[in-house]
Amino acid sequence: MGATASAAEPPLPVQRPLAEGTVDWTNGRVEAQGVASPRVISPHTDWIEGDLRKQADERSLRNLRDTVAAVPFDSARTAGEVLGDAKLQQLAEGAKESFRETLTDGTALRRVWLPLDLVRLALGIGQAPEAAAALPTPGTPKAAAKVQSPETEGVVLVVEARGSGLNPAFQMRLLDASEMAVWHGEAHYISQRPRSLRRAPLLKLSGARGVHAADALLDKASHDKVHRLDGPIVGVWVVTDSWIKQ
């Protein structure tokens, strides 16, 4: 006899296809794949050009570099514009391999990934990897509870951004209805509001602003709410679209 109730499924991660890869804001990683297929010079021979594994390796790193470069740093700049080519290449060369396969036709596949914490560190907004590893993963209830710990002086906000067009970025501004910034920093992007944040003030948006649509514009009711807060804003959790095709 089957179970009477199925366990609740975990919320989808906030992932965004970007350039030639994917940025996973919930699990903190950027991924890309390289593919190299045989190129038959003559239909009467099996001769193929190049070392396919090497080509797949090079393409995976190039695609990862391009994906990191395309991630919005803030509403006006990308990570690539802040880092420059040399740092982007250095980051890509430190990528970790997650998958490799050679298909029966000789096609070589390689998938690589990079922790977003390393990108943050290169951008000057992160912590050393050993320090970051001790923190809860952004987007989890455990992390939300830590932000709301009794030692934290201030207010944690939840922003409902689904359908608003807001893009995740390393740095976000929260704008009131007159487009004045009331908060600036690194938000946490999640696809579902966790129970640990059920008592946090909920704000809603009327849209997004900036070249990369990374600044959150509050609606009138949320404008009034944010200006009545009892303390400084110490954390912002953005409930947004997952970008995962179902």
Protein backbone atom coordinates (compact mmCIF):
# COMPACT_ATOMS: atom_id res chain seq x y z
CA MET A 1 0.00 0.00 0.00
CA GLY A 2 1.44 3.39 -0.94
CA ALA A 3 2.09 6.26 1.38
CA THR A 4 -1.00 8.32 2.22
CA ALA A 5 0.82 11.60 1.61
CA SER A 6 3.84 12.35 -0.48
CA ALA A 7 6.68 14.44 0.87
CA ALA A 8 6.64 18.06 -0.20
CA GLU A 9 8.94 18.67 -3.12
CA PRO A 10 11.72 21.21 -2.59
CA PRO A 11 11.26 24.54 -4.37
CA LEU A 12 12.82 24.90 -7.80
CA PRO A 13 16.17 26.66 -7.89
CA VAL A 14 16.39 30.07 -9.51
CA GLN A 15 18.28 29.31 -12.71
CA ARG A 16 18.79 31.58 -15.68
CA PRO A 17 20.04 30.52 -19.12
CA LEU A 18 22.64 33.12 -20.06
CA ALA A 19 25.07 33.38 -22.99
CA GLU A 20 26.26 29.78 -23.52
CA GLY A 21 25.52 28.46 -20.04
CA THR A 22 23.31 28.65 -16.96
CA VAL A 23 23.51 30.63 -13.71
CA ASP A 24 22.03 28.89 -10.67
CA TRP A 25 21.46 31.62 -8.07
CA THR A 26 19.95 29.27 -5.50
CA ASN A 27 22.74 26.69 -5.46
CA GLY A 28 25.45 29.24 -6.17
CA ARG A 29 27.05 28.02 -9.38
CA VAL A 30 27.52 28.90 -13.04
CA GLU A 31 27.67 26.07 -15.60
CA ALA A 32 28.51 25.65 -19.27
CA GLN A 33 29.08 22.85 -21.77
CA GLY A 34 31.44 22.32 -24.66
CA VAL A 35 30.60 20.08 -27.62
CA ALA A 36 32.91 18.98 -30.43
CA SER A 37 31.53 16.84 -33.26
CA PRO A 38 33.48 14.99 -35.99
CA ARG A 39 33.70 16.82 -39.28
CA VAL A 40 33.87 14.35 -42.12
CA ILE A 41 35.95 15.77 -44.98
CA SER A 42 34.81 13.10 -47.47
CA PRO A 43 31.73 10.86 -47.29
CA HIS A 44 33.95 7.99 -48.40
CA THR A 45 36.43 8.19 -45.51
CA ASP A 46 36.37 8.11 -41.72
CA TRP A 47 38.92 10.91 -41.47
CA ILE A 48 37.97 13.54 -38.87
CA GLU A 49 39.69 16.75 -37.99
CA GLY A 50 41.26 17.64 -34.68
CA ASP A 51 41.38 16.28 -31.19
CA LEU A 52 37.69 16.34 -30.28
CA ARG A 53 38.24 16.00 -26.54
CA LYS A 54 40.61 18.96 -26.60
CA GLN A 55 38.14 21.01 -28.61
CA ALA A 56 35.33 20.18 -26.18
CA ASP A 57 37.58 21.19 -23.27
CA GLU A 58 38.42 24.52 -24.88
CA ARG A 59 34.82 25.26 -25.81
CA SER A 60 33.50 24.42 -22.35
CA LEU A 61 35.93 26.88 -20.74
CA ARG A 62 35.21 29.54 -23.35
CA ASN A 63 31.46 29.13 -22.85
CA LEU A 64 31.88 29.29 -19.08
CA ARG A 65 33.94 32.47 -19.37
CA ASP A 66 31.31 34.05 -21.64
CA THR A 67 28.53 33.08 -19.24
CA VAL A 68 30.30 34.60 -16.24
CA ALA A 69 30.96 37.73 -18.29
CA ALA A 70 27.25 38.09 -19.11
CA VAL A 71 25.99 37.89 -15.51
CA PRO A 72 24.65 41.28 -14.37
CA PHE A 73 26.85 42.84 -11.71
CA ASP A 74 24.26 45.53 -11.10
CA SER A 75 21.58 47.29 -13.12
CA ALA A 76 24.15 49.05 -15.32
CA ARG A 77 27.12 46.68 -15.69
CA THR A 78 27.91 43.03 -16.31
CA ALA A 79 30.45 41.01 -14.37
CA GLY A 80 32.61 40.96 -17.49
CA GLU A 81 32.70 44.76 -17.62
CA VAL A 82 33.84 44.87 -14.00
CA LEU A 83 36.35 42.00 -14.12
CA GLY A 84 38.03 42.38 -17.52
CA ASP A 85 39.34 39.64 -19.82
CA ALA A 86 42.34 38.56 -17.71
CA LYS A 87 40.30 37.85 -14.55
CA LEU A 88 37.56 36.17 -16.57
CA GLN A 89 40.08 33.80 -18.12
CA GLN A 90 41.64 33.09 -14.73
CA LEU A 91 38.24 32.21 -13.30
CA ALA A 92 37.41 29.92 -16.22
CA GLU A 93 40.71 28.06 -15.86
CA GLY A 94 39.73 27.21 -12.27
CA ALA A 95 36.51 25.49 -13.37
CA LYS A 96 35.48 22.07 -12.06
CA GLU A 97 34.39 19.27 -14.36
CA SER A 98 30.96 17.77 -13.69
CA PHE A 99 30.45 15.60 -16.77
CA ARG A 100 32.36 14.17 -19.71
CA GLU A 101 31.25 11.76 -22.41
CA THR A 102 32.20 10.60 -25.90
CA LEU A 103 29.24 9.51 -28.02
CA THR A 104 29.28 6.62 -30.45
CA ASP A 105 29.76 8.95 -33.42
CA GLY A 106 32.85 10.43 -31.77
CA THR A 107 31.21 13.62 -30.51
CA ALA A 108 32.91 14.80 -27.30
CA LEU A 109 30.92 16.49 -24.50
CA ARG A 110 32.25 18.24 -21.43
CA ARG A 111 30.34 20.18 -18.77
CA VAL A 112 32.11 22.45 -16.27
CA TRP A 113 31.01 24.67 -13.40
CA LEU A 114 32.30 27.39 -11.12
CA PRO A 115 31.09 28.45 -7.64
CA LEU A 116 29.48 31.89 -7.66
CA ASP A 117 31.41 32.59 -4.44
CA LEU A 118 34.64 32.64 -6.46
CA VAL A 119 33.11 35.13 -8.89
CA ARG A 120 31.97 37.27 -5.95
CA LEU A 121 35.48 37.16 -4.52
CA ALA A 122 36.96 38.29 -7.85
CA LEU A 123 34.40 41.11 -7.95
CA GLY A 124 35.46 42.24 -4.48
CA ILE A 125 32.10 41.51 -2.83
CA GLY A 126 32.64 37.97 -1.55
CA GLN A 127 34.46 36.04 1.14
CA ALA A 128 37.34 33.61 0.93
CA PRO A 129 36.07 30.14 -0.15
CA GLU A 130 36.86 28.58 3.24
CA ALA A 131 34.79 31.26 5.02
CA ALA A 132 31.94 31.06 2.53
CA ALA A 133 31.80 27.27 2.90
CA ALA A 134 30.85 27.65 6.56
CA LEU A 135 27.77 29.73 5.73
CA PRO A 136 24.32 28.37 4.87
CA THR A 137 23.60 28.14 1.16
CA PRO A 138 21.64 31.21 -0.02
CA GLY A 139 18.04 30.36 -0.78
CA THR A 140 17.59 27.77 1.97
CA PRO A 141 15.36 28.05 5.07
CA LYS A 142 18.46 27.51 7.22
CA ALA A 143 20.08 30.54 5.67
CA ALA A 144 16.90 32.57 6.11
CA ALA A 145 16.74 31.64 9.78
CA LYS A 146 20.35 32.73 10.23
CA VAL A 147 19.60 36.15 8.74
CA GLN A 148 16.72 36.53 11.19
CA SER A 149 18.75 35.45 14.24
CA PRO A 150 18.26 37.46 17.47
CA GLU A 151 21.76 38.95 17.12
CA THR A 152 20.73 40.65 13.86
CA GLU A 153 19.65 44.23 14.46
CA GLY A 154 17.32 45.31 11.68
CA VAL A 155 14.62 44.18 9.29
CA VAL A 156 14.66 41.33 6.78
CA LEU A 157 12.40 41.89 3.78
CA VAL A 158 10.77 39.54 1.29
CA VAL A 159 10.18 40.95 -2.21
CA GLU A 160 7.60 39.28 -4.45
CA ALA A 161 9.13 39.67 -7.93
CA ARG A 162 7.53 36.90 -9.97
CA GLY A 163 6.32 38.25 -13.29
CA SER A 164 7.95 41.66 -12.71
CA GLY A 165 10.81 41.20 -15.18
CA LEU A 166 13.45 41.63 -12.45
CA ASN A 167 16.77 39.96 -13.30
CA PRO A 168 19.04 38.50 -10.61
CA ALA A 169 22.34 40.36 -10.18
CA PHE A 170 25.28 40.43 -7.78
CA GLN A 171 24.17 43.87 -6.56
CA MET A 172 20.55 45.00 -6.42
CA ARG A 173 18.93 48.30 -5.51
CA LEU A 174 15.50 48.46 -3.91
CA LEU A 175 13.77 51.58 -5.23
CA ASP A 176 10.73 53.25 -3.73
CA ALA A 177 7.90 54.49 -5.96
CA SER A 178 9.78 57.75 -6.60
CA GLU A 179 12.79 55.65 -7.78
CA MET A 180 14.96 56.63 -4.82
CA ALA A 181 17.13 53.79 -3.45
CA VAL A 182 16.10 52.59 0.00
CA TRP A 183 18.53 49.65 0.03
CA HIS A 184 21.53 48.46 -1.96
CA GLY A 185 23.39 45.20 -1.65
CA GLU A 186 23.35 41.50 -2.48
CA ALA A 187 19.90 39.95 -2.42
CA HIS A 188 19.08 36.26 -2.05
CA TYR A 189 17.03 34.84 -4.93
CA ILE A 190 14.54 32.06 -4.21
CA SER A 191 11.54 30.62 -6.08
CA GLN A 192 9.33 30.11 -3.04
CA ARG A 193 8.98 31.92 0.27
CA PRO A 194 10.20 29.61 3.08
CA ARG A 195 8.32 29.22 6.36
CA SER A 196 11.24 30.81 8.21
CA LEU A 197 10.43 34.10 6.44
CA ARG A 198 6.65 34.01 6.87
CA ARG A 199 6.72 36.91 9.37
CA ALA A 200 9.05 39.11 7.33
CA PRO A 201 7.43 42.17 5.69
CA LEU A 202 6.31 41.36 2.14
CA LEU A 203 6.89 43.95 -0.57
CA LYS A 204 5.55 43.93 -4.13
CA LEU A 205 6.94 45.45 -7.32
CA SER A 206 5.56 47.56 -10.11
CA GLY A 207 8.52 46.71 -12.35
CA ALA A 208 12.30 46.64 -12.77
CA ARG A 209 14.75 49.38 -13.69
CA GLY A 210 18.20 49.69 -15.26
CA VAL A 211 19.90 48.48 -18.42
CA HIS A 212 19.90 44.93 -17.05
CA ALA A 213 16.55 45.28 -15.21
CA ALA A 214 18.25 44.40 -11.91
CA ASP A 215 16.82 47.18 -9.72
CA ALA A 216 13.49 46.43 -8.01
CA LEU A 217 10.85 49.18 -8.20
CA LEU A 218 8.30 49.02 -5.38
CA ASP A 219 4.61 49.66 -5.93
CA LYS A 220 2.85 52.45 -4.02
CA ALA A 221 1.64 50.26 -1.14
CA SER A 222 5.12 48.79 -0.64
CA HIS A 223 6.62 52.28 -0.91
CA ASP A 224 4.55 53.32 2.09
CA LYS A 225 5.38 50.11 3.95
CA VAL A 226 9.15 50.40 3.48
CA HIS A 227 9.15 53.98 4.78
CA ARG A 228 7.39 52.82 7.96
CA LEU A 229 9.95 50.16 8.90
CA ASP A 230 11.14 50.17 12.50
CA GLY A 231 14.80 49.58 11.72
CA PRO A 232 17.43 49.39 8.97
CA ILE A 233 17.14 46.79 6.23
CA VAL A 234 19.67 44.02 6.88
CA GLY A 235 18.60 41.45 4.30
CA VAL A 236 16.44 41.13 1.18
CA TRP A 237 15.04 37.84 -0.11
CA VAL A 238 13.60 38.01 -3.62
CA VAL A 239 10.96 35.45 -4.59
CA THR A 240 11.32 35.25 -8.35
CA ASP A 241 10.72 33.08 -11.38
CA SER A 242 12.85 29.93 -11.57
CA TRP A 243 13.45 30.13 -15.35
CA ILE A 244 13.28 26.33 -15.48
CA LYS A 245 11.19 25.04 -18.36
CA GLN A 246 8.64 22.56 -17.11
